[in-house]
Amino acid sequence: MTYVVTDNCIGCKYTDCVEVCPVDCFYEGENALVIHPDECIDCGVCEPECPADAIRPDTEPDMEKWVAFNLKYSELWPVIYTKKDPLPDAEKRDGETGKLDTIFSEAPGEGG
């Protein structure tokens, strides 16, 4: 099992999760985070830290696409291990549906 970030992170980018990760397996995009599935040690400490409930175990139904998504972008974006402020519209975007198709950016974040 591994944990992955799903579409509810898009447009929010809360980083409470990166601060507790013992292996620094989070990667930062312009408006989302991902977890490298091969680096995640399945400890689960990040899941309850996410205010947007965007971190899910890959054992849930229909997670294959999110495992592939997380793997792809974790290989393109810089690692993030320091908590940062969420995006300005995070509270408004939390729970919004369809964000992958409407506002997702493939651009990397700053990392760090």
N, C-alpha and C. Protein backbone atom coordinates (compact mmCIF):
# COMPACT_ATOMS: atom_id res chain seq x y z
N MET A 1 0.84 -1.18 0.00
CA MET A 1 0.00 0.00 0.00
C MET A 1 0.89 1.25 0.00
N THR A 2 0.35 2.28 -0.60
CA THR A 2 0.98 3.59 -0.58
C THR A 2 -0.13 4.63 -0.44
N TYR A 3 0.23 5.83 -0.14
CA TYR A 3 -0.73 6.92 -0.09
C TYR A 3 -0.53 7.80 -1.31
N VAL A 4 -1.61 8.40 -1.79
CA VAL A 4 -1.54 9.29 -2.94
C VAL A 4 -2.38 10.52 -2.67
N VAL A 5 -2.04 11.58 -3.38
CA VAL A 5 -2.81 12.82 -3.30
C VAL A 5 -3.83 12.80 -4.43
N THR A 6 -5.06 13.18 -4.11
CA THR A 6 -6.13 13.20 -5.11
C THR A 6 -6.48 14.65 -5.48
N ASP A 7 -7.51 14.80 -6.31
CA ASP A 7 -7.82 16.10 -6.88
C ASP A 7 -8.26 17.17 -5.89
N ASN A 8 -8.64 16.82 -4.69
CA ASN A 8 -9.06 17.87 -3.76
C ASN A 8 -7.89 18.75 -3.32
N CYS A 9 -6.67 18.32 -3.54
CA CYS A 9 -5.51 19.16 -3.22
C CYS A 9 -5.36 20.30 -4.24
N ILE A 10 -5.81 20.06 -5.44
CA ILE A 10 -5.64 21.05 -6.51
C ILE A 10 -6.37 22.35 -6.14
N GLY A 11 -5.64 23.43 -6.21
CA GLY A 11 -6.20 24.73 -5.89
C GLY A 11 -6.18 25.07 -4.41
N CYS A 12 -5.83 24.11 -3.58
CA CYS A 12 -5.74 24.34 -2.13
C CYS A 12 -4.27 24.34 -1.69
N LYS A 13 -3.61 23.21 -1.94
CA LYS A 13 -2.20 23.00 -1.63
C LYS A 13 -1.86 23.32 -0.17
N TYR A 14 -2.63 22.69 0.71
CA TYR A 14 -2.25 22.75 2.12
C TYR A 14 -0.97 21.91 2.26
N THR A 15 -0.05 22.34 3.08
CA THR A 15 1.22 21.62 3.19
C THR A 15 1.47 21.08 4.60
N ASP A 16 0.41 20.94 5.38
CA ASP A 16 0.55 20.37 6.72
C ASP A 16 1.17 18.97 6.64
N CYS A 17 0.85 18.25 5.57
CA CYS A 17 1.31 16.87 5.37
C CYS A 17 2.82 16.76 5.21
N VAL A 18 3.44 17.71 4.52
CA VAL A 18 4.87 17.60 4.25
C VAL A 18 5.71 17.72 5.51
N GLU A 19 5.18 18.45 6.47
CA GLU A 19 5.91 18.69 7.71
C GLU A 19 6.04 17.42 8.56
N VAL A 20 5.09 16.50 8.44
CA VAL A 20 5.11 15.28 9.25
C VAL A 20 5.69 14.08 8.51
N CYS A 21 5.92 14.20 7.23
CA CYS A 21 6.42 13.07 6.44
C CYS A 21 7.87 12.74 6.83
N PRO A 22 8.11 11.50 7.28
CA PRO A 22 9.46 11.15 7.71
C PRO A 22 10.43 10.85 6.57
N VAL A 23 9.94 10.74 5.34
CA VAL A 23 10.84 10.40 4.23
C VAL A 23 10.85 11.42 3.10
N ASP A 24 10.20 12.56 3.28
CA ASP A 24 10.20 13.63 2.27
C ASP A 24 9.81 13.12 0.89
N CYS A 25 8.64 12.48 0.80
CA CYS A 25 8.20 11.93 -0.48
C CYS A 25 7.13 12.79 -1.16
N PHE A 26 6.94 14.03 -0.69
CA PHE A 26 5.99 14.95 -1.31
C PHE A 26 6.72 15.82 -2.33
N TYR A 27 6.01 16.12 -3.42
CA TYR A 27 6.56 16.95 -4.49
C TYR A 27 5.56 18.06 -4.79
N GLU A 28 6.09 19.25 -5.11
CA GLU A 28 5.24 20.43 -5.22
C GLU A 28 5.08 20.92 -6.65
N GLY A 29 3.82 21.02 -7.05
CA GLY A 29 3.46 21.68 -8.29
C GLY A 29 2.99 23.09 -8.00
N GLU A 30 2.68 23.81 -9.03
CA GLU A 30 2.23 25.20 -8.88
C GLU A 30 0.97 25.29 -8.01
N ASN A 31 0.03 24.34 -8.19
CA ASN A 31 -1.21 24.44 -7.41
C ASN A 31 -1.66 23.12 -6.80
N ALA A 32 -0.71 22.20 -6.59
CA ALA A 32 -1.04 20.91 -5.98
C ALA A 32 0.23 20.23 -5.47
N LEU A 33 0.04 19.20 -4.69
CA LEU A 33 1.12 18.35 -4.22
C LEU A 33 0.88 16.93 -4.72
N VAL A 34 1.93 16.13 -4.78
CA VAL A 34 1.81 14.70 -5.05
C VAL A 34 2.77 13.95 -4.14
N ILE A 35 2.54 12.65 -4.01
CA ILE A 35 3.40 11.76 -3.24
C ILE A 35 4.05 10.79 -4.21
N HIS A 36 5.36 10.61 -4.10
CA HIS A 36 6.02 9.60 -4.94
C HIS A 36 5.66 8.23 -4.37
N PRO A 37 4.88 7.43 -5.12
CA PRO A 37 4.41 6.15 -4.59
C PRO A 37 5.52 5.16 -4.22
N ASP A 38 6.66 5.25 -4.88
CA ASP A 38 7.75 4.33 -4.59
C ASP A 38 8.58 4.78 -3.39
N GLU A 39 8.46 6.03 -2.99
CA GLU A 39 9.20 6.55 -1.84
C GLU A 39 8.37 6.53 -0.56
N CYS A 40 7.06 6.52 -0.70
CA CYS A 40 6.15 6.50 0.46
C CYS A 40 6.36 5.20 1.23
N ILE A 41 6.50 5.31 2.54
CA ILE A 41 6.72 4.11 3.37
C ILE A 41 5.42 3.65 4.04
N ASP A 42 4.30 4.19 3.59
CA ASP A 42 2.98 3.74 4.05
C ASP A 42 2.76 3.94 5.54
N CYS A 43 3.38 4.94 6.12
CA CYS A 43 3.21 5.16 7.57
C CYS A 43 1.86 5.77 7.90
N GLY A 44 1.29 6.54 6.97
CA GLY A 44 -0.03 7.11 7.16
C GLY A 44 -0.10 8.37 8.00
N VAL A 45 1.02 8.92 8.44
CA VAL A 45 0.96 10.10 9.29
C VAL A 45 0.48 11.35 8.55
N CYS A 46 0.61 11.36 7.24
CA CYS A 46 0.20 12.52 6.46
C CYS A 46 -1.32 12.60 6.28
N GLU A 47 -1.97 11.48 6.19
CA GLU A 47 -3.40 11.45 5.86
C GLU A 47 -4.26 12.29 6.81
N PRO A 48 -4.14 12.13 8.14
CA PRO A 48 -4.98 12.94 9.02
C PRO A 48 -4.58 14.41 9.09
N GLU A 49 -3.40 14.76 8.59
CA GLU A 49 -2.94 16.15 8.63
C GLU A 49 -3.52 17.00 7.51
N CYS A 50 -4.10 16.38 6.50
CA CYS A 50 -4.60 17.11 5.34
C CYS A 50 -5.98 17.70 5.62
N PRO A 51 -6.08 19.04 5.70
CA PRO A 51 -7.38 19.66 5.96
C PRO A 51 -8.39 19.43 4.84
N ALA A 52 -7.91 19.16 3.63
CA ALA A 52 -8.79 18.97 2.48
C ALA A 52 -9.17 17.51 2.25
N ASP A 53 -8.67 16.60 3.09
CA ASP A 53 -8.94 15.18 2.93
C ASP A 53 -8.56 14.70 1.52
N ALA A 54 -7.42 15.16 1.04
CA ALA A 54 -6.98 14.85 -0.31
C ALA A 54 -6.01 13.68 -0.37
N ILE A 55 -5.55 13.18 0.76
CA ILE A 55 -4.61 12.07 0.79
C ILE A 55 -5.37 10.79 1.09
N ARG A 56 -5.23 9.82 0.19
CA ARG A 56 -5.99 8.58 0.32
C ARG A 56 -5.05 7.38 0.12
N PRO A 57 -5.36 6.25 0.74
CA PRO A 57 -4.59 5.04 0.49
C PRO A 57 -4.92 4.48 -0.90
N ASP A 58 -3.94 3.89 -1.54
CA ASP A 58 -4.17 3.36 -2.89
C ASP A 58 -5.05 2.11 -2.90
N THR A 59 -5.44 1.64 -1.74
CA THR A 59 -6.30 0.45 -1.65
C THR A 59 -7.78 0.80 -1.82
N GLU A 60 -8.11 2.07 -1.82
CA GLU A 60 -9.49 2.47 -2.06
C GLU A 60 -9.84 2.26 -3.53
N PRO A 61 -11.13 2.14 -3.85
CA PRO A 61 -11.54 1.93 -5.25
C PRO A 61 -11.12 3.09 -6.15
N ASP A 62 -10.77 2.75 -7.38
CA ASP A 62 -10.44 3.72 -8.44
C ASP A 62 -9.21 4.59 -8.14
N MET A 63 -8.26 4.07 -7.42
CA MET A 63 -7.06 4.84 -7.10
C MET A 63 -5.94 4.65 -8.11
N GLU A 64 -6.09 3.72 -9.04
CA GLU A 64 -5.02 3.46 -10.01
C GLU A 64 -4.63 4.72 -10.76
N LYS A 65 -5.63 5.51 -11.18
CA LYS A 65 -5.32 6.74 -11.94
C LYS A 65 -4.55 7.74 -11.08
N TRP A 66 -4.83 7.75 -9.75
CA TRP A 66 -4.14 8.69 -8.88
C TRP A 66 -2.72 8.22 -8.55
N VAL A 67 -2.51 6.92 -8.51
CA VAL A 67 -1.15 6.40 -8.34
C VAL A 67 -0.31 6.82 -9.54
N ALA A 68 -0.84 6.64 -10.75
CA ALA A 68 -0.12 7.02 -11.97
C ALA A 68 0.11 8.54 -12.01
N PHE A 69 -0.88 9.30 -11.63
CA PHE A 69 -0.78 10.77 -11.59
C PHE A 69 0.32 11.20 -10.63
N ASN A 70 0.30 10.65 -9.42
CA ASN A 70 1.31 11.00 -8.42
C ASN A 70 2.71 10.61 -8.88
N LEU A 71 2.85 9.44 -9.48
CA LEU A 71 4.16 9.00 -9.97
C LEU A 71 4.67 9.94 -11.05
N LYS A 72 3.82 10.26 -12.01
CA LYS A 72 4.22 11.13 -13.12
C LYS A 72 4.75 12.48 -12.61
N TYR A 73 3.97 13.14 -11.76
CA TYR A 73 4.35 14.49 -11.36
C TYR A 73 5.44 14.51 -10.29
N SER A 74 5.55 13.44 -9.51
CA SER A 74 6.64 13.40 -8.53
C SER A 74 8.00 13.28 -9.22
N GLU A 75 7.99 12.82 -10.45
CA GLU A 75 9.24 12.73 -11.21
C GLU A 75 9.55 14.02 -11.96
N LEU A 76 8.60 14.94 -11.99
CA LEU A 76 8.78 16.21 -12.71
C LEU A 76 8.93 17.41 -11.77
N TRP A 77 8.36 17.33 -10.59
CA TRP A 77 8.33 18.46 -9.67
C TRP A 77 9.38 18.34 -8.58
N PRO A 78 9.74 19.47 -7.94
CA PRO A 78 10.74 19.43 -6.86
C PRO A 78 10.14 18.91 -5.55
N VAL A 79 10.99 18.30 -4.74
CA VAL A 79 10.57 17.80 -3.43
C VAL A 79 10.23 18.98 -2.53
N ILE A 80 9.23 18.79 -1.68
CA ILE A 80 8.86 19.80 -0.69
C ILE A 80 8.86 19.14 0.67
N TYR A 81 9.49 19.79 1.64
CA TYR A 81 9.58 19.23 2.99
C TYR A 81 9.30 20.29 4.06
N THR A 82 9.00 21.52 3.63
CA THR A 82 8.74 22.61 4.55
C THR A 82 7.30 23.10 4.38
N LYS A 83 6.61 23.28 5.49
CA LYS A 83 5.24 23.78 5.45
C LYS A 83 5.22 25.21 4.92
N LYS A 84 4.26 25.47 4.02
CA LYS A 84 4.07 26.80 3.45
C LYS A 84 2.60 27.18 3.62
N ASP A 85 2.29 28.43 3.36
CA ASP A 85 0.90 28.87 3.40
C ASP A 85 0.12 28.20 2.26
N PRO A 86 -1.15 27.88 2.51
CA PRO A 86 -1.98 27.34 1.42
C PRO A 86 -2.22 28.41 0.36
N LEU A 87 -2.75 27.99 -0.77
CA LEU A 87 -3.07 28.95 -1.83
C LEU A 87 -4.17 29.89 -1.34
N PRO A 88 -4.21 31.11 -1.88
CA PRO A 88 -5.16 32.12 -1.39
C PRO A 88 -6.63 31.69 -1.40
N ASP A 89 -7.05 30.90 -2.38
CA ASP A 89 -8.45 30.47 -2.48
C ASP A 89 -8.67 29.07 -1.92
N ALA A 90 -7.78 28.60 -1.08
CA ALA A 90 -7.85 27.22 -0.58
C ALA A 90 -9.20 26.89 0.06
N GLU A 91 -9.66 27.73 0.95
CA GLU A 91 -10.92 27.44 1.64
C GLU A 91 -12.09 27.40 0.66
N LYS A 92 -12.08 28.29 -0.31
CA LYS A 92 -13.16 28.34 -1.30
C LYS A 92 -13.11 27.11 -2.23
N ARG A 93 -11.92 26.66 -2.57
CA ARG A 93 -11.75 25.55 -3.51
C ARG A 93 -11.89 24.17 -2.85
N ASP A 94 -11.77 24.11 -1.54
CA ASP A 94 -11.85 22.84 -0.83
C ASP A 94 -13.21 22.19 -1.09
N GLY A 95 -13.19 20.98 -1.62
CA GLY A 95 -14.41 20.24 -1.91
C GLY A 95 -14.97 20.47 -3.31
N GLU A 96 -14.41 21.40 -4.04
CA GLU A 96 -14.84 21.66 -5.41
C GLU A 96 -14.55 20.43 -6.27
N THR A 97 -15.44 20.09 -7.16
CA THR A 97 -15.23 18.93 -8.03
C THR A 97 -14.72 19.37 -9.40
N GLY A 98 -14.10 18.44 -10.12
CA GLY A 98 -13.65 18.69 -11.48
C GLY A 98 -12.41 19.53 -11.61
N LYS A 99 -11.66 19.69 -10.53
CA LYS A 99 -10.49 20.58 -10.57
C LYS A 99 -9.37 20.06 -11.47
N LEU A 100 -9.27 18.77 -11.62
CA LEU A 100 -8.22 18.22 -12.48
C LEU A 100 -8.40 18.70 -13.91
N ASP A 101 -9.63 18.78 -14.36
CA ASP A 101 -9.92 19.20 -15.74
C ASP A 101 -10.01 20.71 -15.92
N THR A 102 -10.22 21.44 -14.82
CA THR A 102 -10.47 22.87 -14.98
C THR A 102 -9.32 23.78 -14.52
N ILE A 103 -8.65 23.45 -13.40
CA ILE A 103 -7.64 24.40 -12.89
C ILE A 103 -6.27 23.79 -12.66
N PHE A 104 -6.10 22.50 -12.85
CA PHE A 104 -4.81 21.87 -12.58
C PHE A 104 -3.72 22.44 -13.45
N SER A 105 -2.57 22.72 -12.86
CA SER A 105 -1.40 23.20 -13.58
C SER A 105 -0.29 22.17 -13.51
N GLU A 106 0.32 21.86 -14.64
CA GLU A 106 1.45 20.93 -14.68
C GLU A 106 2.76 21.62 -14.29
N ALA A 107 2.74 22.92 -14.12
CA ALA A 107 3.95 23.67 -13.79
C ALA A 107 4.47 23.27 -12.41
N PRO A 108 5.78 23.19 -12.26
CA PRO A 108 6.35 22.85 -10.96
C PRO A 108 6.21 24.00 -9.97
N GLY A 109 6.23 23.66 -8.69
CA GLY A 109 6.29 24.64 -7.62
C GLY A 109 7.74 24.96 -7.31
N GLU A 110 7.96 25.63 -6.20
CA GLU A 110 9.31 26.02 -5.81
C GLU A 110 10.05 24.93 -5.05
N GLY A 111 9.31 24.03 -4.39
CA GLY A 111 9.95 23.01 -3.57
C GLY A 111 10.55 23.62 -2.32
N GLY A 112 11.32 22.80 -1.64
CA GLY A 112 11.99 23.28 -0.44
C GLY A 112 11.32 22.94 0.84
